[in-house]
C-alpha atoms as a PDB file:
ATOM      1  CA  MET A   1       0.000   0.000   0.000  1.00  0.00           C
ATOM      2  CA  ASP A   2       2.849   2.411   0.809  1.00  0.00           C
ATOM      3  CA  GLN A   3       4.410   1.632  -2.561  1.00  0.00           C
ATOM      4  CA  ARG A   4       1.138   2.445  -4.286  1.00  0.00           C
ATOM      5  CA  LEU A   5       0.949   5.710  -2.343  1.00  0.00           C
ATOM      6  CA  LEU A   6       4.413   6.623  -3.580  1.00  0.00           C
ATOM      7  CA  GLU A   7       3.433   5.766  -7.163  1.00  0.00           C
ATOM      8  CA  LEU A   8       0.285   7.877  -6.984  1.00  0.00           C
ATOM      9  CA  VAL A   9       2.095  10.924  -5.620  1.00  0.00           C
ATOM     10  CA  GLU A  10       4.764  10.548  -8.312  1.00  0.00           C
ATOM     11  CA  ASP A  11       2.171  10.164 -11.082  1.00  0.00           C
ATOM     12  CA  LEU A  12       0.016  13.051  -9.900  1.00  0.00           C
ATOM     13  CA  THR A  13       2.878  15.494  -9.504  1.00  0.00           C
ATOM     14  CA  THR A  14       4.936  14.674 -12.597  1.00  0.00           C
ATOM     15  CA  SER A  15       2.207  14.337 -15.230  1.00  0.00           C
ATOM     16  CA  GLY A  16       2.730  17.864 -16.542  1.00  0.00           C
ATOM     17  CA  GLU A  17      -1.036  18.303 -16.767  1.00  0.00           C
ATOM     18  CA  PRO A  18      -2.649  21.521 -15.475  1.00  0.00           C
ATOM     19  CA  GLN A  19      -5.292  19.550 -13.562  1.00  0.00           C
ATOM     20  CA  LEU A  20      -4.973  16.489 -11.340  1.00  0.00           C
ATOM     21  CA  ASN A  21      -6.095  13.118 -12.649  1.00  0.00           C
ATOM     22  CA  PRO A  22      -9.453  12.606 -10.864  1.00  0.00           C
ATOM     23  CA  GLU A  23      -9.243   8.801 -10.724  1.00  0.00           C
ATOM     24  CA  LYS A  24      -5.741   8.786  -9.252  1.00  0.00           C
ATOM     25  CA  MET A  25      -6.679  11.535  -6.832  1.00  0.00           C
ATOM     26  CA  LYS A  26      -9.679   9.517  -5.706  1.00  0.00           C
ATOM     27  CA  GLU A  27      -7.458   6.495  -5.088  1.00  0.00           C
ATOM     28  CA  LEU A  28      -4.945   8.610  -3.172  1.00  0.00           C
ATOM     29  CA  LYS A  29      -7.666  10.003  -0.914  1.00  0.00           C
ATOM     30  CA  LYS A  30      -8.935   6.509  -0.217  1.00  0.00           C
ATOM     31  CA  ILE A  31      -5.479   5.333   0.875  1.00  0.00           C
ATOM     32  CA  CYS A  32      -4.932   8.438   3.012  1.00  0.00           C
ATOM     33  CA  LYS A  33      -8.304   7.950   4.655  1.00  0.00           C
ATOM     34  CA  SER A  34      -7.378   4.427   5.734  1.00  0.00           C
ATOM     35  CA  SER A  35      -4.953   5.596   8.450  1.00  0.00           C
ATOM     36  CA  GLU A  36      -3.230   8.679   9.837  1.00  0.00           C
ATOM     37  CA  GLU A  37       0.099   6.947   9.307  1.00  0.00           C
ATOM     38  CA  ARG A  38      -0.490   6.771   5.553  1.00  0.00           C
ATOM     39  CA  LEU A  39      -1.784  10.332   5.531  1.00  0.00           C
ATOM     40  CA  SER A  40       1.422  11.457   7.253  1.00  0.00           C
ATOM     41  CA  HIS A  41       3.437   9.504   4.709  1.00  0.00           C
ATOM     42  CA  ALA A  42       1.569  11.264   1.902  1.00  0.00           C
ATOM     43  CA  TYR A  43       2.326  14.625   3.498  1.00  0.00           C
ATOM     44  CA  HIS A  44       6.070  13.941   3.581  1.00  0.00           C
ATOM     45  CA  LEU A  45       6.035  12.675  -0.011  1.00  0.00           C
ATOM     46  CA  LEU A  46       4.248  15.832  -1.130  1.00  0.00           C
ATOM     47  CA  MET A  47       6.667  18.086   0.739  1.00  0.00           C
ATOM     48  CA  THR A  48       9.488  16.306  -1.077  1.00  0.00           C
ATOM     49  CA  GLN A  49       7.808  17.124  -4.383  1.00  0.00           C
ATOM     50  CA  LEU A  50       7.293  20.736  -3.318  1.00  0.00           C
ATOM     51  CA  ARG A  51      11.067  20.990  -2.933  1.00  0.00           C
ATOM     52  CA  GLN A  52      11.720  19.932  -6.533  1.00  0.00           C
ATOM     53  CA  GLU A  53      13.330  22.586  -8.726  1.00  0.00           C
ATOM     54  CA  HIS A  54      10.498  22.565 -11.248  1.00  0.00           C
ATOM     55  CA  ALA A  55       7.415  24.766 -10.962  1.00  0.00           C
ATOM     56  CA  GLU A  56       5.092  22.263 -12.669  1.00  0.00           C
ATOM     57  CA  ILE A  57       5.907  19.585 -10.094  1.00  0.00           C
ATOM     58  CA  ARG A  58       5.402  22.080  -7.278  1.00  0.00           C
ATOM     59  CA  LEU A  59       2.091  23.270  -8.718  1.00  0.00           C
ATOM     60  CA  SER A  60       0.720  19.736  -8.985  1.00  0.00           C
ATOM     61  CA  ALA A  61       1.984  18.866  -5.499  1.00  0.00           C
ATOM     62  CA  PHE A  62       0.317  22.001  -4.161  1.00  0.00           C
ATOM     63  CA  GLN A  63      -2.980  21.017  -5.810  1.00  0.00           C
ATOM     64  CA  VAL A  64      -2.867  17.658  -4.016  1.00  0.00           C
ATOM     65  CA  VAL A  65      -2.035  19.393  -0.726  1.00  0.00           C
ATOM     66  CA  ASP A  66      -4.973  21.746  -1.188  1.00  0.00           C
ATOM     67  CA  GLU A  67      -7.432  18.891  -1.694  1.00  0.00           C
ATOM     68  CA  LEU A  68      -6.204  16.996   1.359  1.00  0.00           C
ATOM     69  CA  PHE A  69      -5.961  20.129   3.519  1.00  0.00           C
ATOM     70  CA  VAL A  70      -9.661  20.956   3.276  1.00  0.00           C
ATOM     71  CA  ARG A  71     -10.686  17.352   3.997  1.00  0.00           C
ATOM     72  CA  SER A  72      -8.452  16.222   6.851  1.00  0.00           C
ATOM     73  CA  GLN A  73      -7.824  17.770  10.255  1.00  0.00           C
ATOM     74  CA  HIS A  74      -4.683  15.682  10.707  1.00  0.00           C
ATOM     75  CA  PHE A  75      -3.325  16.830   7.355  1.00  0.00           C
ATOM     76  CA  ARG A  76      -4.026  20.462   8.248  1.00  0.00           C
ATOM     77  CA  THR A  77      -2.073  20.016  11.465  1.00  0.00           C
ATOM     78  CA  LEU A  78       0.881  18.633   9.508  1.00  0.00           C
ATOM     79  CA  VAL A  79       0.906  21.483   6.986  1.00  0.00           C
ATOM     80  CA  VAL A  80       0.507  24.204   9.615  1.00  0.00           C
ATOM     81  CA  SER A  81       3.252  22.678  11.779  1.00  0.00           C
ATOM     82  CA  ASP A  82       5.799  23.682   9.118  1.00  0.00           C
ATOM     83  CA  PHE A  83       3.842  26.486   7.511  1.00  0.00           C
ATOM     84  CA  GLN A  84       6.840  28.721   6.895  1.00  0.00           C
ATOM     85  CA  ALA A  85       8.462  26.073   4.703  1.00  0.00           C
ATOM     86  CA  PHE A  86       5.192  25.568   2.841  1.00  0.00           C
ATOM     87  CA  LEU A  87       4.932  29.315   2.120  1.00  0.00           C
ATOM     88  CA  GLU A  88       8.538  29.482   0.956  1.00  0.00           C
ATOM     89  CA  LEU A  89       8.025  26.564  -1.427  1.00  0.00           C
ATOM     90  CA  THR A  90       4.720  27.727  -2.913  1.00  0.00           C
ATOM     91  CA  LEU A  91       4.825  31.520  -2.676  1.00  0.00           C
ATOM     92  CA  GLY A  92       8.563  32.142  -2.776  1.00  0.00           C
ATOM     93  CA  THR A  93       8.513  34.154   0.449  1.00  0.00           C
ATOM     94  CA  ASP A  94      12.256  33.649   0.912  1.00  0.00           C
ATOM     95  CA  HIS A  95      13.893  35.950  -1.654  1.00  0.00           C
ATOM     96  CA  LYS A  96      17.068  33.877  -1.417  1.00  0.00           C
ATOM     97  CA  GLN A  97      15.156  30.860  -2.716  1.00  0.00           C
ATOM     98  CA  PRO A  98      12.896  32.065  -5.549  1.00  0.00           C
ATOM     99  CA  LEU A  99      10.423  29.722  -7.166  1.00  0.00           C
ATOM    100  CA  PRO A 100      11.927  27.577  -9.937  1.00  0.00           C
ATOM    101  CA  PRO A 101      11.057  27.847 -13.647  1.00  0.00           C
ATOM    102  CA  PRO A 102       9.049  27.805 -15.818  1.00  0.00           C
ATOM    103  CA  LYS A 103       8.271  31.404 -14.878  1.00  0.00           C
ATOM    104  CA  GLU A 104       4.643  31.360 -16.023  1.00  0.00           C
ATOM    105  CA  VAL A 105       3.920  28.189 -14.047  1.00  0.00           C
ATOM    106  CA  ALA A 106       5.607  29.711 -10.995  1.00  0.00           C
ATOM    107  CA  ARG A 107       3.274  32.701 -11.332  1.00  0.00           C
ATOM    108  CA  ARG A 108       0.245  30.387 -11.430  1.00  0.00           C
ATOM    109  CA  LEU A 109       1.574  28.543  -8.400  1.00  0.00           C
ATOM    110  CA  ARG A 110       1.863  31.792  -6.419  1.00  0.00           C
ATOM    111  CA  GLN A 111      -1.660  32.801  -7.400  1.00  0.00           C
ATOM    112  CA  ALA A 112      -3.146  29.416  -6.523  1.00  0.00           C
ATOM    113  CA  ALA A 113      -1.291  29.261  -3.211  1.00  0.00           C
ATOM    114  CA  ALA A 114      -2.375  32.796  -2.279  1.00  0.00           C
ATOM    115  CA  ARG A 115      -6.006  31.983  -3.032  1.00  0.00           C
ATOM    116  CA  ALA A 116      -5.747  28.796  -0.992  1.00  0.00           C
ATOM    117  CA  VAL A 117      -4.111  30.456   2.014  1.00  0.00           C
ATOM    118  CA  GLN A 118      -6.809  33.117   1.997  1.00  0.00           C
ATOM    119  CA  GLY A 119      -9.537  30.464   1.879  1.00  0.00           C
ATOM    120  CA  TRP A 120      -7.853  28.314   4.522  1.00  0.00           C
ATOM    121  CA  SER A 121      -7.463  31.294   6.829  1.00  0.00           C
ATOM    122  CA  GLU A 122     -11.110  32.281   6.471  1.00  0.00           C
ATOM    123  CA  LYS A 123     -12.330  28.733   7.089  1.00  0.00           C
ATOM    124  CA  PHE A 124      -9.798  27.334   9.556  1.00  0.00           C
ATOM    125  CA  GLY A 125      -7.841  30.322  10.885  1.00  0.00           C
ATOM    126  CA  ALA A 126      -9.677  30.389  14.197  1.00  0.00           C
ATOM    127  CA  ALA A 127      -8.532  26.837  14.950  1.00  0.00           C
ATOM    128  CA  TYR A 128      -4.948  27.170  13.685  1.00  0.00           C
ATOM    129  CA  LYS A 129      -3.059  30.187  15.007  1.00  0.00           C
ATOM    130  CA  LYS A 130      -0.068  29.613  12.719  1.00  0.00           C
ATOM    131  CA  LEU A 131      -2.380  29.686   9.720  1.00  0.00           C
ATOM    132  CA  ALA A 132      -3.911  33.013  10.742  1.00  0.00           C
ATOM    133  CA  LEU A 133      -0.446  34.431  11.467  1.00  0.00           C
ATOM    134  CA  GLY A 134       0.822  33.197   8.109  1.00  0.00           C
ATOM    135  CA  HIS A 135      -2.013  34.963   6.325  1.00  0.00           C
ATOM    136  CA  HIS A 136      -1.289  38.156   8.282  1.00  0.00           C
ATOM    137  CA  PHE A 137       2.423  37.828   7.479  1.00  0.00           C
ATOM    138  CA  LEU A 138       1.748  37.540   3.745  1.00  0.00           C
ATOM    139  CA  LYS A 139      -0.669  40.429   3.702  1.00  0.00           C
ATOM    140  CA  HIS A 140       1.505  42.877   5.635  1.00  0.00           C
ATOM    141  CA  SER A 141       5.109  41.764   5.157  1.00  0.00           C
ATOM    142  CA  HIS A 142       5.059  40.493   1.588  1.00  0.00           C
ATOM    143  CA  GLN A 143       2.417  42.879   0.243  1.00  0.00           C
ATOM    144  CA  VAL A 144       0.122  40.182  -1.105  1.00  0.00           C
ATOM    145  CA  ASP A 145      -3.119  41.883  -2.088  1.00  0.00           C
ATOM    146  CA  PHE A 146      -5.687  39.228  -1.279  1.00  0.00           C
ATOM    147  CA  ALA A 147      -8.455  41.405  -2.740  1.00  0.00           C
ATOM    148  CA  ASP A 148      -7.314  40.508  -6.244  1.00  0.00           C
ATOM    149  CA  VAL A 149      -4.681  37.881  -5.420  1.00  0.00           C
ATOM    150  CA  ASP A 150      -1.872  40.064  -6.716  1.00  0.00           C
ATOM    151  CA  VAL A 151       1.071  37.995  -5.559  1.00  0.00           C
ATOM    152  CA  ARG A 152       3.775  39.739  -7.542  1.00  0.00           C
ATOM    153  CA  THR A 153       6.863  40.773  -5.660  1.00  0.00           C
ATOM    154  CA  PRO A 154       7.214  44.541  -5.001  1.00  0.00           C
ATOM    155  CA  VAL A 155       9.799  44.758  -7.819  1.00  0.00           C
ATOM    156  CA  GLU A 156       7.483  42.955 -10.246  1.00  0.00           C
ATOM    157  CA  ARG A 157       4.566  45.162  -9.190  1.00  0.00           C
ATOM    158  CA  ARG A 158       6.521  48.404  -9.727  1.00  0.00           C
ATOM    159  CA  ARG A 159       7.728  47.170 -13.114  1.00  0.00           C
ATOM    160  CA  GLY A 160       4.169  46.298 -14.105  1.00  0.00           C
ATOM    161  CA  GLU A 161       2.860  49.699 -13.027  1.00  0.00           C
ATOM    162  CA  GLU A 162       5.576  51.479 -15.021  1.00  0.00           C
ATOM    163  CA  GLN A 163       4.781  49.372 -18.097  1.00  0.00           C
ATOM    164  CA  GLN A 164       1.100  50.244 -17.743  1.00  0.00           C
ATOM    165  CA  ARG A 165       1.901  53.966 -17.496  1.00  0.00           C
ATOM    166  CA  HIS A 166       4.036  53.672 -20.630  1.00  0.00           C
ATOM    167  CA  ARG A 167       1.186  51.949 -22.493  1.00  0.00           C
ATOM    168  CA  ASP A 168      -1.271  54.615 -21.350  1.00  0.00           C
ATOM    169  CA  ARG A 169       1.010  57.400 -22.645  1.00  0.00           C
ATOM    170  CA  LEU A 170       1.397  55.570 -25.942  1.00  0.00           C
ATOM    171  CA  TYR A 171      -2.347  55.038 -26.339  1.00  0.00           C
ATOM    172  CA  ARG A 172      -3.108  58.660 -25.524  1.00  0.00           C
ATOM    173  CA  GLY A 173      -0.531  59.913 -28.004  1.00  0.00           C
ATOM    174  CA  ARG A 174      -2.036  57.791 -30.749  1.00  0.00           C
ATOM    175  CA  ALA A 175      -5.538  58.878 -29.813  1.00  0.00           C
ATOM    176  CA  GLU A 176      -4.589  62.571 -29.900  1.00  0.00           C
ATOM    177  CA  GLN A 177      -2.961  62.126 -33.299  1.00  0.00           C
ATOM    178  CA  ALA A 178      -6.025  60.329 -34.642  1.00  0.00           C
ATOM    179  CA  VAL A 179      -8.363  63.061 -33.442  1.00  0.00           C
ATOM    180  CA  ARG A 180      -6.154  65.801 -34.923  1.00  0.00           C
ATOM    181  CA  GLU A 181      -6.171  64.035 -38.276  1.00  0.00           C
ATOM    182  CA  MET A 182      -9.956  63.722 -38.244  1.00  0.00           C
ATOM    183  CA  ALA A 183     -10.714  67.170 -36.884  1.00  0.00           C
ATOM    184  CA  GLY A 184     -12.689  69.256 -39.348  1.00  0.00           C
ATOM    185  CA  GLN A 185     -13.574  66.360 -41.621  1.00  0.00           C
ATOM    186  CA  GLY A 186     -17.233  66.830 -40.754  1.00  0.00           C
ATOM    187  CA  GLU A 187     -19.805  64.172 -41.586  1.00  0.00           C
ATOM    188  CA  GLY A 188     -18.689  60.572 -41.181  1.00  0.00           C
ATOM    189  CA  THR A 189     -16.147  61.260 -38.428  1.00  0.00           C
ATOM    190  CA  CYS A 190     -17.844  58.915 -35.944  1.00  0.00           C
ATOM    191  CA  ILE A 191     -17.705  55.998 -38.379  1.00  0.00           C
ATOM    192  CA  GLN A 192     -14.053  56.663 -39.170  1.00  0.00           C
ATOM    193  CA  LEU A 193     -13.221  56.796 -35.465  1.00  0.00           C
ATOM    194  CA  VAL A 194     -14.786  53.392 -34.886  1.00  0.00           C
ATOM    195  CA  VAL A 195     -12.919  51.912 -37.868  1.00  0.00           C
ATOM    196  CA  LEU A 196      -9.643  53.344 -36.582  1.00  0.00           C
ATOM    197  CA  VAL A 197     -10.224  51.942 -33.120  1.00  0.00           C
ATOM    198  CA  ARG A 198     -10.827  48.476 -34.506  1.00  0.00           C
ATOM    199  CA  ALA A 199      -7.853  48.656 -36.844  1.00  0.00           C
ATOM    200  CA  SER A 200      -5.291  49.951 -34.378  1.00  0.00           C
ATOM    201  CA  ALA A 201      -6.628  48.533 -31.075  1.00  0.00           C
ATOM    202  CA  LEU A 202      -6.657  51.981 -29.439  1.00  0.00           C
ATOM    203  CA  HIS A 203      -8.494  52.537 -26.172  1.00  0.00           C
ATOM    204  CA  LEU A 204     -12.043  53.466 -27.147  1.00  0.00           C
ATOM    205  CA  TRP A 205     -12.542  55.534 -24.013  1.00  0.00           C
ATOM    206  CA  ALA A 206      -9.519  57.666 -24.831  1.00  0.00           C
ATOM    207  CA  LEU A 207     -10.643  58.379 -28.370  1.00  0.00           C
ATOM    208  CA  LEU A 208     -14.179  59.197 -27.357  1.00  0.00           C
ATOM    209  CA  ALA A 209     -13.036  61.488 -24.570  1.00  0.00           C
ATOM    210  CA  LEU A 210     -10.787  63.421 -26.916  1.00  0.00           C
ATOM    211  CA  ALA A 211     -13.169  63.429 -29.870  1.00  0.00           C
ATOM    212  CA  SER A 212     -16.300  64.399 -27.968  1.00  0.00           C
ATOM    213  CA  PRO A 213     -15.796  68.203 -28.187  1.00  0.00           C
ATOM    214  CA  LEU A 214     -15.129  67.933 -31.930  1.00  0.00           C
ATOM    215  CA  LEU A 215     -18.178  65.799 -32.580  1.00  0.00           C
ATOM    216  CA  GLU A 216     -20.404  68.149 -30.633  1.00  0.00           C
ATOM    217  CA  ALA A 217     -19.075  71.259 -32.391  1.00  0.00           C
END
């Protein structure tokens, strides 16, 4: 039975699939339910997979952890007992040990883990002090915005904001140029504006805001 447990954890976490195999997950749950000893064994196997230097393996291992966490009090106790390590391995809270590649999968892992920690804290935080403290730690020390699950690092967030400002300036410049070119053309301006928006993917709100005085003149 322990060998089968090992095989299931290996298969579930190394498949490369975005979702867990439901049949194998069902079998794993059945084995874990048979005894706390096997559940503990599953926990240690999953923590081993969470330490692998591959984000896809970590993401799949996290998905298994999430399913067992919400179903088993004993499993919750095991996860919370070493919660700092769990956060480091799924959210990259230790800047000296960033999440492994692929980068896009690591981003999905951070998002999924943040959503899970928020849900766990809301549902089980009163019973597990470390869980509530972990949620507080993420929210205030690592600037995780749980309102929209923005789990980018501060550097990534600043870079993203600067890129957005650059795009906004670019869009506005194009919109202003388009309006200047169409100013004074008279009848048919509205139709031409719509065609231009579709052709160049400009922000419709920007064009309309700038063109409104001309169209009303």
